[in-house]
Amino acid sequence: MNSSFLYHAWGLYNHKCTREEYKGNTIILHIEAKERKKDCPKCGHRQLVKNGFRVRDFIGLPIGGKKVIIRMKVQRYKCKNQD
């Protein structure tokens, strides 16, 4: 899916669509962030390491009578400064 469509339809300008699924009357859009988080929100330290991820589902408005699910992979990070 075009990144322009994600921006204009849902305001997702820092995300990209990695794949699309069509199951029955449902469209599932798999999206990820284009760039990673820059610094720790607690201490401001800039060295972060990946610490797994979570998958979150958001219900979008129907397109052509089909249910839309936006499935987002959210990367988790851990600060090297805080142990």
C-alpha atoms as a PDB file:
ATOM      1  CA  MET A   1       0.000   0.000   0.000  1.00  0.00           C
ATOM      2  CA  ASN A   2       1.162   3.479  -0.794  1.00  0.00           C
ATOM      3  CA  SER A   3       2.505   5.524   2.153  1.00  0.00           C
ATOM      4  CA  SER A   4       0.617   8.524   0.767  1.00  0.00           C
ATOM      5  CA  PHE A   5      -2.671   6.680   1.288  1.00  0.00           C
ATOM      6  CA  LEU A   6      -1.753   5.887   4.919  1.00  0.00           C
ATOM      7  CA  TYR A   7      -1.051   9.583   5.491  1.00  0.00           C
ATOM      8  CA  HIS A   8      -4.157  10.978   3.829  1.00  0.00           C
ATOM      9  CA  ALA A   9      -6.585   8.341   5.142  1.00  0.00           C
ATOM     10  CA  TRP A  10      -5.319   7.963   8.736  1.00  0.00           C
ATOM     11  CA  GLY A  11      -2.608  10.607   9.265  1.00  0.00           C
ATOM     12  CA  LEU A  12       0.185   7.994   9.550  1.00  0.00           C
ATOM     13  CA  TYR A  13       3.118   9.895   8.046  1.00  0.00           C
ATOM     14  CA  ASN A  14       5.983   8.051   9.826  1.00  0.00           C
ATOM     15  CA  HIS A  15       4.739   4.565   8.961  1.00  0.00           C
ATOM     16  CA  LYS A  16       4.978   2.146   6.062  1.00  0.00           C
ATOM     17  CA  CYS A  17       2.736  -0.728   5.056  1.00  0.00           C
ATOM     18  CA  THR A  18       4.677  -4.005   5.012  1.00  0.00           C
ATOM     19  CA  ARG A  19       1.842  -6.218   3.776  1.00  0.00           C
ATOM     20  CA  GLU A  20      -1.894  -6.481   3.223  1.00  0.00           C
ATOM     21  CA  GLU A  21      -4.198  -9.401   4.045  1.00  0.00           C
ATOM     22  CA  TYR A  22      -7.701 -10.049   2.792  1.00  0.00           C
ATOM     23  CA  LYS A  23      -9.728 -12.456   4.938  1.00  0.00           C
ATOM     24  CA  GLY A  24     -13.383 -12.728   4.032  1.00  0.00           C
ATOM     25  CA  ASN A  25     -14.930  -9.299   4.507  1.00  0.00           C
ATOM     26  CA  THR A  26     -11.868  -7.881   6.312  1.00  0.00           C
ATOM     27  CA  ILE A  27      -8.797  -5.974   5.116  1.00  0.00           C
ATOM     28  CA  ILE A  28      -5.784  -6.221   7.448  1.00  0.00           C
ATOM     29  CA  LEU A  29      -3.003  -3.664   6.901  1.00  0.00           C
ATOM     30  CA  HIS A  30       0.332  -4.506   8.568  1.00  0.00           C
ATOM     31  CA  ILE A  31       2.298  -1.331   9.293  1.00  0.00           C
ATOM     32  CA  GLU A  32       5.585  -0.412  10.982  1.00  0.00           C
ATOM     33  CA  ALA A  33       7.301   2.849  11.907  1.00  0.00           C
ATOM     34  CA  LYS A  34       9.806   4.101   9.313  1.00  0.00           C
ATOM     35  CA  GLU A  35      12.355   5.292  11.848  1.00  0.00           C
ATOM     36  CA  ARG A  36      13.262   4.277  15.369  1.00  0.00           C
ATOM     37  CA  LYS A  37      12.895   6.250  18.570  1.00  0.00           C
ATOM     38  CA  LYS A  38      15.797   8.658  19.085  1.00  0.00           C
ATOM     39  CA  ASP A  39      16.185   8.913  22.850  1.00  0.00           C
ATOM     40  CA  CYS A  40      14.917   7.579  26.198  1.00  0.00           C
ATOM     41  CA  PRO A  41      11.722   9.345  27.324  1.00  0.00           C
ATOM     42  CA  LYS A  42      12.748   9.088  30.999  1.00  0.00           C
ATOM     43  CA  CYS A  43      16.407  10.173  31.054  1.00  0.00           C
ATOM     44  CA  GLY A  44      17.057  11.471  27.506  1.00  0.00           C
ATOM     45  CA  HIS A  45      19.953   9.027  26.974  1.00  0.00           C
ATOM     46  CA  ARG A  46      20.532   8.334  23.268  1.00  0.00           C
ATOM     47  CA  GLN A  47      21.742   4.716  23.422  1.00  0.00           C
ATOM     48  CA  LEU A  48      18.747   2.401  23.172  1.00  0.00           C
ATOM     49  CA  VAL A  49      18.703  -1.337  22.465  1.00  0.00           C
ATOM     50  CA  LYS A  50      15.792  -3.289  20.993  1.00  0.00           C
ATOM     51  CA  ASN A  51      13.787  -5.177  23.607  1.00  0.00           C
ATOM     52  CA  GLY A  52      11.170  -7.178  21.671  1.00  0.00           C
ATOM     53  CA  PHE A  53       7.978  -5.877  20.115  1.00  0.00           C
ATOM     54  CA  ARG A  54       4.207  -5.937  20.478  1.00  0.00           C
ATOM     55  CA  VAL A  55       1.521  -6.209  17.839  1.00  0.00           C
ATOM     56  CA  ARG A  56      -1.433  -3.862  18.256  1.00  0.00           C
ATOM     57  CA  ASP A  57      -4.701  -3.883  16.319  1.00  0.00           C
ATOM     58  CA  PHE A  58      -6.651  -0.712  15.542  1.00  0.00           C
ATOM     59  CA  ILE A  59     -10.085  -0.688  13.924  1.00  0.00           C
ATOM     60  CA  GLY A  60     -10.278   1.644  10.940  1.00  0.00           C
ATOM     61  CA  LEU A  61     -13.264   2.984   9.071  1.00  0.00           C
ATOM     62  CA  PRO A  62     -14.745   0.582   6.515  1.00  0.00           C
ATOM     63  CA  ILE A  63     -13.542   0.795   2.919  1.00  0.00           C
ATOM     64  CA  GLY A  64     -16.069  -0.314   0.319  1.00  0.00           C
ATOM     65  CA  GLY A  65     -18.181  -2.047   2.972  1.00  0.00           C
ATOM     66  CA  LYS A  66     -15.202  -4.089   4.224  1.00  0.00           C
ATOM     67  CA  LYS A  67     -13.959  -3.977   7.807  1.00  0.00           C
ATOM     68  CA  VAL A  68     -10.433  -2.514   8.139  1.00  0.00           C
ATOM     69  CA  ILE A  69      -7.921  -3.558  10.800  1.00  0.00           C
ATOM     70  CA  ILE A  70      -4.623  -1.679  11.078  1.00  0.00           C
ATOM     71  CA  ARG A  71      -2.139  -4.107  12.641  1.00  0.00           C
ATOM     72  CA  MET A  72       0.887  -2.236  13.909  1.00  0.00           C
ATOM     73  CA  LYS A  73       4.187  -3.741  15.007  1.00  0.00           C
ATOM     74  CA  VAL A  74       5.442  -1.584  17.894  1.00  0.00           C
ATOM     75  CA  GLN A  75       9.145  -1.983  18.673  1.00  0.00           C
ATOM     76  CA  ARG A  76      10.070  -1.895  22.357  1.00  0.00           C
ATOM     77  CA  TYR A  77      13.383  -0.374  23.485  1.00  0.00           C
ATOM     78  CA  LYS A  78      15.470  -0.498  26.631  1.00  0.00           C
ATOM     79  CA  CYS A  79      17.766   2.303  27.768  1.00  0.00           C
ATOM     80  CA  LYS A  80      21.398   1.309  28.321  1.00  0.00           C
ATOM     81  CA  ASN A  81      21.665   4.042  30.963  1.00  0.00           C
ATOM     82  CA  GLN A  82      19.000   2.473  33.218  1.00  0.00           C
ATOM     83  CA  ASP A  83      19.600  -1.069  34.514  1.00  0.00           C
END
